[in-house]
């Protein structure tokens, strides 16, 4: 596989109009990359990430206002009419 130095040397040896063409080709290749590939992804597994978020929530006492968790859960899970879909 070519190193960056080799690529630069090869491009430098080309006439200016061909250097411009090489630059256009590199830009074309970059445009074909999927958007998700352009940013480096975090390699943390979802389970680990979720565990970290749950620990942060626990440290911040986010759910301290809930006195009866079972009652709160029943209320949250209740079916409610959707806006604009009342019968």
PDB file of N, CA and C in Angstrom:
ATOM      1  N   UNK A   1       0.840  -1.187   0.000  1.00  0.00           N
ATOM      2  CA  UNK A   1       0.000   0.000   0.000  1.00  0.00           C
ATOM      3  C   UNK A   1       0.884   1.250   0.000  1.00  0.00           C
ATOM      4  N   UNK A   2       0.513   2.226  -0.779  1.00  0.00           N
ATOM      5  CA  UNK A   2       1.316   3.439  -0.918  1.00  0.00           C
ATOM      6  C   UNK A   2       1.208   4.294   0.333  1.00  0.00           C
ATOM      7  N   UNK A   3       2.318   4.904   0.709  1.00  0.00           N
ATOM      8  CA  UNK A   3       2.295   5.824   1.831  1.00  0.00           C
ATOM      9  C   UNK A   3       1.944   7.212   1.316  1.00  0.00           C
ATOM     10  N   UNK A   4       1.603   8.070   2.229  1.00  0.00           N
ATOM     11  CA  UNK A   4       1.277   9.453   1.868  1.00  0.00           C
ATOM     12  C   UNK A   4       2.465  10.110   1.167  1.00  0.00           C
ATOM     13  N   UNK A   5       3.656   9.843   1.673  1.00  0.00           N
ATOM     14  CA  UNK A   5       4.866  10.429   1.070  1.00  0.00           C
ATOM     15  C   UNK A   5       5.003  10.014  -0.390  1.00  0.00           C
ATOM     16  N   UNK A   6       4.742   8.733  -0.691  1.00  0.00           N
ATOM     17  CA  UNK A   6       4.840   8.253  -2.071  1.00  0.00           C
ATOM     18  C   UNK A   6       3.785   8.923  -2.947  1.00  0.00           C
ATOM     19  N   UNK A   7       2.598   9.058  -2.413  1.00  0.00           N
ATOM     20  CA  UNK A   7       1.518   9.698  -3.173  1.00  0.00           C
ATOM     21  C   UNK A   7       1.887  11.150  -3.468  1.00  0.00           C
ATOM     22  N   UNK A   8       2.382  11.854  -2.452  1.00  0.00           N
ATOM     23  CA  UNK A   8       2.771  13.254  -2.652  1.00  0.00           C
ATOM     24  C   UNK A   8       3.880  13.393  -3.691  1.00  0.00           C
ATOM     25  N   UNK A   9       4.855  12.495  -3.632  1.00  0.00           N
ATOM     26  CA  UNK A   9       5.950  12.545  -4.608  1.00  0.00           C
ATOM     27  C   UNK A   9       5.437  12.304  -6.030  1.00  0.00           C
ATOM     28  N   UNK A  10       4.530  11.314  -6.173  1.00  0.00           N
ATOM     29  CA  UNK A  10       3.973  11.019  -7.492  1.00  0.00           C
ATOM     30  C   UNK A  10       3.166  12.193  -8.025  1.00  0.00           C
ATOM     31  N   UNK A  11       2.358  12.802  -7.173  1.00  0.00           N
ATOM     32  CA  UNK A  11       1.536  13.931  -7.605  1.00  0.00           C
ATOM     33  C   UNK A  11       2.433  15.123  -7.941  1.00  0.00           C
ATOM     34  N   UNK A  12       3.469  15.321  -7.145  1.00  0.00           N
ATOM     35  CA  UNK A  12       4.388  16.436  -7.378  1.00  0.00           C
ATOM     36  C   UNK A  12       5.107  16.316  -8.723  1.00  0.00           C
ATOM     37  N   UNK A  13       5.291  15.083  -9.186  1.00  0.00           N
ATOM     38  CA  UNK A  13       5.993  14.886 -10.465  1.00  0.00           C
ATOM     39  C   UNK A  13       5.076  15.105 -11.670  1.00  0.00           C
ATOM     40  N   UNK A  14       3.788  15.289 -11.432  1.00  0.00           N
ATOM     41  CA  UNK A  14       2.837  15.512 -12.532  1.00  0.00           C
ATOM     42  C   UNK A  14       2.820  16.984 -12.935  1.00  0.00           C
ATOM     43  N   UNK A  15       2.427  17.264 -14.185  1.00  0.00           N
ATOM     44  CA  UNK A  15       2.231  18.664 -14.584  1.00  0.00           C
ATOM     45  C   UNK A  15       1.041  19.262 -13.811  1.00  0.00           C
ATOM     46  N   UNK A  16       1.003  20.576 -13.646  1.00  0.00           N
ATOM     47  CA  UNK A  16      -0.033  21.223 -12.845  1.00  0.00           C
ATOM     48  C   UNK A  16      -1.469  20.832 -13.216  1.00  0.00           C
ATOM     49  N   UNK A  17      -1.768  20.722 -14.524  1.00  0.00           N
ATOM     50  CA  UNK A  17      -3.150  20.371 -14.906  1.00  0.00           C
ATOM     51  C   UNK A  17      -3.504  18.948 -14.450  1.00  0.00           C
ATOM     52  N   UNK A  18      -2.524  18.052 -14.433  1.00  0.00           N
ATOM     53  CA  UNK A  18      -2.783  16.691 -13.967  1.00  0.00           C
ATOM     54  C   UNK A  18      -2.850  16.637 -12.438  1.00  0.00           C
ATOM     55  N   UNK A  19      -2.119  17.527 -11.768  1.00  0.00           N
ATOM     56  CA  UNK A  19      -2.230  17.619 -10.314  1.00  0.00           C
ATOM     57  C   UNK A  19      -3.647  18.045  -9.925  1.00  0.00           C
ATOM     58  N   UNK A  20      -4.179  18.992 -10.681  1.00  0.00           N
ATOM     59  CA  UNK A  20      -5.564  19.448 -10.449  1.00  0.00           C
ATOM     60  C   UNK A  20      -6.545  18.303 -10.665  1.00  0.00           C
ATOM     61  N   UNK A  21      -6.309  17.509 -11.682  1.00  0.00           N
ATOM     62  CA  UNK A  21      -7.165  16.354 -11.968  1.00  0.00           C
ATOM     63  C   UNK A  21      -7.079  15.328 -10.838  1.00  0.00           C
ATOM     64  N   UNK A  22      -5.879  15.132 -10.296  1.00  0.00           N
ATOM     65  CA  UNK A  22      -5.706  14.204  -9.173  1.00  0.00           C
ATOM     66  C   UNK A  22      -6.480  14.710  -7.957  1.00  0.00           C
ATOM     67  N   UNK A  23      -6.423  16.013  -7.711  1.00  0.00           N
ATOM     68  CA  UNK A  23      -7.166  16.610  -6.602  1.00  0.00           C
ATOM     69  C   UNK A  23      -8.672  16.425  -6.801  1.00  0.00           C
ATOM     70  N   UNK A  24      -9.154  16.636  -8.016  1.00  0.00           N
ATOM     71  CA  UNK A  24     -10.573  16.417  -8.319  1.00  0.00           C
ATOM     72  C   UNK A  24     -10.974  14.969  -8.042  1.00  0.00           C
ATOM     73  N   UNK A  25     -10.090  14.042  -8.405  1.00  0.00           N
ATOM     74  CA  UNK A  25     -10.389  12.626  -8.186  1.00  0.00           C
ATOM     75  C   UNK A  25     -10.452  12.299  -6.694  1.00  0.00           C
ATOM     76  N   UNK A  26      -9.540  12.864  -5.910  1.00  0.00           N
ATOM     77  CA  UNK A  26      -9.565  12.638  -4.457  1.00  0.00           C
ATOM     78  C   UNK A  26     -10.864  13.189  -3.869  1.00  0.00           C
ATOM     79  N   UNK A  27     -11.263  14.373  -4.298  1.00  0.00           N
ATOM     80  CA  UNK A  27     -12.534  14.950  -3.818  1.00  0.00           C
ATOM     81  C   UNK A  27     -13.722  14.087  -4.220  1.00  0.00           C
ATOM     82  N   UNK A  28     -13.689  13.532  -5.428  1.00  0.00           N
ATOM     83  CA  UNK A  28     -14.744  12.627  -5.877  1.00  0.00           C
ATOM     84  C   UNK A  28     -14.806  11.404  -4.978  1.00  0.00           C
ATOM     85  N   UNK A  29     -13.667  10.818  -4.670  1.00  0.00           N
ATOM     86  CA  UNK A  29     -13.641   9.643  -3.793  1.00  0.00           C
ATOM     87  C   UNK A  29     -14.185   9.974  -2.406  1.00  0.00           C
ATOM     88  N   UNK A  30     -13.817  11.145  -1.879  1.00  0.00           N
ATOM     89  CA  UNK A  30     -14.326  11.556  -0.569  1.00  0.00           C
ATOM     90  C   UNK A  30     -15.837  11.729  -0.585  1.00  0.00           C
ATOM     91  N   UNK A  31     -16.378  12.206  -1.703  1.00  0.00           N
ATOM     92  CA  UNK A  31     -17.832  12.425  -1.787  1.00  0.00           C
ATOM     93  C   UNK A  31     -18.605  11.110  -1.791  1.00  0.00           C
ATOM     94  N   UNK A  32     -17.929  10.027  -2.166  1.00  0.00           N
ATOM     95  CA  UNK A  32     -18.588   8.723  -2.197  1.00  0.00           C
ATOM     96  C   UNK A  32     -18.635   8.049  -0.827  1.00  0.00           C
ATOM     97  N   UNK A  33     -17.874   8.570   0.132  1.00  0.00           N
ATOM     98  CA  UNK A  33     -17.876   7.982   1.466  1.00  0.00           C
ATOM     99  C   UNK A  33     -19.237   8.176   2.118  1.00  0.00           C
ATOM    100  N   UNK A  34     -19.750   7.141   2.793  1.00  0.00           N
ATOM    101  CA  UNK A  34     -20.993   7.334   3.548  1.00  0.00           C
ATOM    102  C   UNK A  34     -20.770   8.370   4.639  1.00  0.00           C
ATOM    103  N   UNK A  35     -21.812   9.095   4.956  1.00  0.00           N
ATOM    104  CA  UNK A  35     -21.695  10.161   5.949  1.00  0.00           C
ATOM    105  C   UNK A  35     -21.222   9.615   7.291  1.00  0.00           C
ATOM    106  N   UNK A  36     -21.680   8.426   7.682  1.00  0.00           N
ATOM    107  CA  UNK A  36     -21.286   7.862   8.966  1.00  0.00           C
ATOM    108  C   UNK A  36     -19.811   7.490   8.989  1.00  0.00           C
ATOM    109  N   UNK A  37     -19.208   7.250   7.820  1.00  0.00           N
ATOM    110  CA  UNK A  37     -17.795   6.895   7.766  1.00  0.00           C
ATOM    111  C   UNK A  37     -16.906   8.127   7.890  1.00  0.00           C
ATOM    112  N   UNK A  38     -17.445   9.318   7.617  1.00  0.00           N
ATOM    113  CA  UNK A  38     -16.615  10.510   7.646  1.00  0.00           C
ATOM    114  C   UNK A  38     -16.204  10.889   9.060  1.00  0.00           C
ATOM    115  N   UNK A  39     -16.998  10.510  10.068  1.00  0.00           N
ATOM    116  CA  UNK A  39     -16.658  10.780  11.448  1.00  0.00           C
ATOM    117  C   UNK A  39     -16.246   9.465  12.110  1.00  0.00           C
ATOM    118  N   UNK A  40     -15.195   9.490  12.897  1.00  0.00           N
ATOM    119  CA  UNK A  40     -14.832   8.252  13.587  1.00  0.00           C
ATOM    120  C   UNK A  40     -15.902   7.876  14.599  1.00  0.00           C
ATOM    121  N   UNK A  41     -16.270   6.608  14.600  1.00  0.00           N
ATOM    122  CA  UNK A  41     -17.298   6.138  15.518  1.00  0.00           C
ATOM    123  C   UNK A  41     -16.669   5.697  16.823  1.00  0.00           C
ATOM    124  N   UNK A  42     -17.425   5.859  17.881  1.00  0.00           N
ATOM    125  CA  UNK A  42     -16.994   5.378  19.169  1.00  0.00           C
ATOM    126  C   UNK A  42     -17.204   3.875  19.194  1.00  0.00           C
ATOM    127  N   UNK A  43     -16.226   3.139  19.664  1.00  0.00           N
ATOM    128  CA  UNK A  43     -16.318   1.686  19.656  1.00  0.00           C
ATOM    129  C   UNK A  43     -16.839   1.109  20.967  1.00  0.00           C
ATOM    130  N   UNK A  44     -17.508   1.917  21.771  1.00  0.00           N
ATOM    131  CA  UNK A  44     -18.061   1.430  23.019  1.00  0.00           C
ATOM    132  C   UNK A  44     -19.324   0.636  22.721  1.00  0.00           C
ATOM    133  N   UNK A  45     -19.396  -0.620  23.194  1.00  0.00           N
ATOM    134  CA  UNK A  45     -20.614  -1.409  22.970  1.00  0.00           C
ATOM    135  C   UNK A  45     -21.827  -0.723  23.608  1.00  0.00           C
ATOM    136  N   UNK A  46     -23.003  -0.955  23.013  1.00  0.00           N
ATOM    137  CA  UNK A  46     -24.215  -0.298  23.497  1.00  0.00           C
ATOM    138  C   UNK A  46     -24.495  -0.614  24.960  1.00  0.00           C
ATOM    139  N   UNK A  47     -24.274  -1.856  25.379  1.00  0.00           N
ATOM    140  CA  UNK A  47     -24.525  -2.238  26.769  1.00  0.00           C
ATOM    141  C   UNK A  47     -23.653  -1.455  27.728  1.00  0.00           C
ATOM    142  N   UNK A  48     -22.403  -1.267  27.360  1.00  0.00           N
ATOM    143  CA  UNK A  48     -21.479  -0.516  28.203  1.00  0.00           C
ATOM    144  C   UNK A  48     -21.906   0.943  28.269  1.00  0.00           C
ATOM    145  N   UNK A  49     -22.280   1.494  27.130  1.00  0.00           N
ATOM    146  CA  UNK A  49     -22.728   2.887  27.075  1.00  0.00           C
ATOM    147  C   UNK A  49     -23.986   3.083  27.932  1.00  0.00           C
ATOM    148  N   UNK A  50     -24.927   2.139  27.820  1.00  0.00           N
ATOM    149  CA  UNK A  50     -26.153   2.221  28.612  1.00  0.00           C
ATOM    150  C   UNK A  50     -25.833   2.151  30.102  1.00  0.00           C
ATOM    151  N   UNK A  51     -24.934   1.256  30.474  1.00  0.00           N
ATOM    152  CA  UNK A  51     -24.553   1.137  31.884  1.00  0.00           C
ATOM    153  C   UNK A  51     -23.957   2.447  32.390  1.00  0.00           C
ATOM    154  N   UNK A  52     -23.133   3.106  31.572  1.00  0.00           N
ATOM    155  CA  UNK A  52     -22.548   4.392  31.960  1.00  0.00           C
ATOM    156  C   UNK A  52     -23.628   5.451  32.147  1.00  0.00           C
ATOM    157  N   UNK A  53     -24.582   5.483  31.219  1.00  0.00           N
ATOM    158  CA  UNK A  53     -25.669   6.465  31.318  1.00  0.00           C
ATOM    159  C   UNK A  53     -26.536   6.221  32.552  1.00  0.00           C
ATOM    160  N   UNK A  54     -26.802   4.953  32.848  1.00  0.00           N
ATOM    161  CA  UNK A  54     -27.615   4.628  34.029  1.00  0.00           C
ATOM    162  C   UNK A  54     -26.873   5.018  35.314  1.00  0.00           C
ATOM    163  N   UNK A  55     -25.569   4.814  35.328  1.00  0.00           N
ATOM    164  CA  UNK A  55     -24.764   5.210  36.492  1.00  0.00           C
ATOM    165  C   UNK A  55     -24.798   6.723  36.673  1.00  0.00           C
ATOM    166  N   UNK A  56     -24.680   7.466  35.573  1.00  0.00           N
ATOM    167  CA  UNK A  56     -24.757   8.925  35.645  1.00  0.00           C
ATOM    168  C   UNK A  56     -26.120   9.372  36.166  1.00  0.00           C
ATOM    169  N   UNK A  57     -27.184   8.729  35.691  1.00  0.00           N
ATOM    170  CA  UNK A  57     -28.536   9.069  36.154  1.00  0.00           C
ATOM    171  C   UNK A  57     -28.654   8.808  37.644  1.00  0.00           C
ATOM    172  N   UNK A  58     -28.081   7.700  38.094  1.00  0.00           N
ATOM    173  CA  UNK A  58     -28.117   7.365  39.515  1.00  0.00           C
ATOM    174  C   UNK A  58     -27.346   8.391  40.337  1.00  0.00           C
ATOM    175  N   UNK A  59     -26.177   8.778  39.851  1.00  0.00           N
ATOM    176  CA  UNK A  59     -25.358   9.768  40.569  1.00  0.00           C
ATOM    177  C   UNK A  59     -26.067  11.115  40.677  1.00  0.00           C
ATOM    178  N   UNK A  60     -26.855  11.462  39.660  1.00  0.00           N
ATOM    179  CA  UNK A  60     -27.545  12.753  39.648  1.00  0.00           C
ATOM    180  C   UNK A  60     -28.903  12.689  40.342  1.00  0.00           C
ATOM    181  N   UNK A  61     -29.307  11.492  40.769  1.00  0.00           N
ATOM    182  CA  UNK A  61     -30.596  11.311  41.456  1.00  0.00           C
ATOM    183  C   UNK A  61     -31.759  11.805  40.606  1.00  0.00           C
ATOM    184  N   UNK A  62     -31.741  11.463  39.326  1.00  0.00           N
ATOM    185  CA  UNK A  62     -32.739  11.969  38.382  1.00  0.00           C
ATOM    186  C   UNK A  62     -34.166  11.528  38.709  1.00  0.00           C
ATOM    187  N   UNK A  63     -34.311  10.403  39.350  1.00  0.00           N
ATOM    188  CA  UNK A  63     -35.651   9.866  39.586  1.00  0.00           C
ATOM    189  C   UNK A  63     -36.067   9.977  41.048  1.00  0.00           C
ATOM    190  N   UNK A  64     -35.427  10.862  41.796  1.00  0.00           N
ATOM    191  CA  UNK A  64     -35.727  10.993  43.224  1.00  0.00           C
ATOM    192  C   UNK A  64     -37.142  11.501  43.483  1.00  0.00           C
ATOM    193  N   UNK A  65     -37.744  12.152  42.513  1.00  0.00           N
ATOM    194  CA  UNK A  65     -39.093  12.690  42.699  1.00  0.00           C
ATOM    195  C   UNK A  65     -40.173  11.606  42.613  1.00  0.00           C
ATOM    196  N   UNK A  66     -39.823  10.409  42.184  1.00  0.00           N
ATOM    197  CA  UNK A  66     -40.789   9.312  42.038  1.00  0.00           C
ATOM    198  C   UNK A  66     -40.877   8.571  43.369  1.00  0.00           C
ATOM    199  N   UNK A  67     -42.033   8.706  44.042  1.00  0.00           N
ATOM    200  CA  UNK A  67     -42.210   8.096  45.371  1.00  0.00           C
ATOM    201  C   UNK A  67     -42.528   6.609  45.268  1.00  0.00           C
ATOM    202  N   UNK A  68     -43.412   6.239  44.322  1.00  0.00           N
ATOM    203  CA  UNK A  68     -43.807   4.836  44.142  1.00  0.00           C
ATOM    204  C   UNK A  68     -43.475   4.432  42.702  1.00  0.00           C
ATOM    205  N   UNK A  69     -42.316   3.791  42.474  1.00  0.00           N
ATOM    206  CA  UNK A  69     -41.900   3.456  41.113  1.00  0.00           C
ATOM    207  C   UNK A  69     -42.895   2.575  40.351  1.00  0.00           C
ATOM    208  N   UNK A  70     -43.544   1.639  41.048  1.00  0.00           N
ATOM    209  CA  UNK A  70     -44.502   0.749  40.374  1.00  0.00           C
ATOM    210  C   UNK A  70     -45.713   1.547  39.880  1.00  0.00           C
ATOM    211  N   UNK A  71     -46.216   2.454  40.699  1.00  0.00           N
ATOM    212  CA  UNK A  71     -47.357   3.282  40.296  1.00  0.00           C
ATOM    213  C   UNK A  71     -46.953   4.204  39.142  1.00  0.00           C
ATOM    214  N   UNK A  72     -45.774   4.765  39.216  1.00  0.00           N
ATOM    215  CA  UNK A  72     -45.284   5.640  38.150  1.00  0.00           C
ATOM    216  C   UNK A  72     -45.192   4.874  36.837  1.00  0.00           C
ATOM    217  N   UNK A  73     -44.697   3.643  36.916  1.00  0.00           N
ATOM    218  CA  UNK A  73     -44.562   2.832  35.708  1.00  0.00           C
ATOM    219  C   UNK A  73     -45.926   2.497  35.110  1.00  0.00           C
ATOM    220  N   UNK A  74     -46.902   2.166  35.950  1.00  0.00           N
ATOM    221  CA  UNK A  74     -48.257   1.881  35.429  1.00  0.00           C
ATOM    222  C   UNK A  74     -48.828   3.113  34.738  1.00  0.00           C
ATOM    223  N   UNK A  75     -48.628   4.270  35.348  1.00  0.00           N
ATOM    224  CA  UNK A  75     -49.151   5.509  34.766  1.00  0.00           C
ATOM    225  C   UNK A  75     -48.483   5.814  33.427  1.00  0.00           C
ATOM    226  N   UNK A  76     -47.179   5.642  33.341  1.00  0.00           N
ATOM    227  CA  UNK A  76     -46.447   5.918  32.111  1.00  0.00           C
ATOM    228  C   UNK A  76     -46.890   4.979  30.997  1.00  0.00           C
ATOM    229  N   UNK A  77     -47.189   3.734  31.335  1.00  0.00           N
ATOM    230  CA  UNK A  77     -47.559   2.734  30.331  1.00  0.00           C
ATOM    231  C   UNK A  77     -49.030   2.794  29.919  1.00  0.00           C
ATOM    232  N   UNK A  78     -49.833   3.642  30.571  1.00  0.00           N
ATOM    233  CA  UNK A  78     -51.249   3.741  30.225  1.00  0.00           C
ATOM    234  C   UNK A  78     -51.410   4.197  28.788  1.00  0.00           C
ATOM    235  N   UNK A  79     -52.394   3.591  28.114  1.00  0.00           N
ATOM    236  CA  UNK A  79     -52.700   4.040  26.758  1.00  0.00           C
ATOM    237  C   UNK A  79     -53.402   5.392  26.833  1.00  0.00           C
ATOM    238  N   UNK A  80     -52.969   6.299  26.012  1.00  0.00           N
ATOM    239  CA  UNK A  80     -53.571   7.623  25.958  1.00  0.00           C
ATOM    240  C   UNK A  80     -53.953   7.911  24.515  1.00  0.00           C
ATOM    241  N   UNK A  81     -54.998   8.679  24.300  1.00  0.00           N
ATOM    242  CA  UNK A  81     -55.362   9.045  22.923  1.00  0.00           C
ATOM    243  C   UNK A  81     -54.264   9.912  22.304  1.00  0.00           C
ATOM    244  N   UNK A  82     -53.993   9.664  21.058  1.00  0.00           N
ATOM    245  CA  UNK A  82     -53.003  10.460  20.362  1.00  0.00           C
ATOM    246  C   UNK A  82     -53.621  11.772  19.907  1.00  0.00           C
ATOM    247  N   UNK A  83     -52.884  12.863  19.971  1.00  0.00           N
ATOM    248  CA  UNK A  83     -53.432  14.151  19.526  1.00  0.00           C
ATOM    249  C   UNK A  83     -53.881  14.079  18.057  1.00  0.00           C
ATOM    250  N   UNK A  84     -55.058  14.574  17.800  1.00  0.00           N
ATOM    251  CA  UNK A  84     -55.580  14.577  16.441  1.00  0.00           C
ATOM    252  C   UNK A  84     -56.202  13.245  16.031  1.00  0.00           C
ATOM    253  N   UNK A  85     -56.269  12.275  16.937  1.00  0.00           N
ATOM    254  CA  UNK A  85     -56.840  10.968  16.604  1.00  0.00           C
ATOM    255  C   UNK A  85     -57.948  10.560  17.578  1.00  0.00           C
ATOM    256  N   UNK A  86     -58.571  11.562  18.179  1.00  0.00           N
ATOM    257  CA  UNK A  86     -59.669  11.255  19.090  1.00  0.00           C
ATOM    258  C   UNK A  86     -60.852  10.717  18.310  1.00  0.00           C
ATOM    259  N   UNK A  87     -61.530   9.727  18.881  1.00  0.00           N
ATOM    260  CA  UNK A  87     -62.732   9.176  18.211  1.00  0.00           C
ATOM    261  C   UNK A  87     -63.980   9.844  18.651  1.00  0.00           C
TER     262      UNK A  87
END
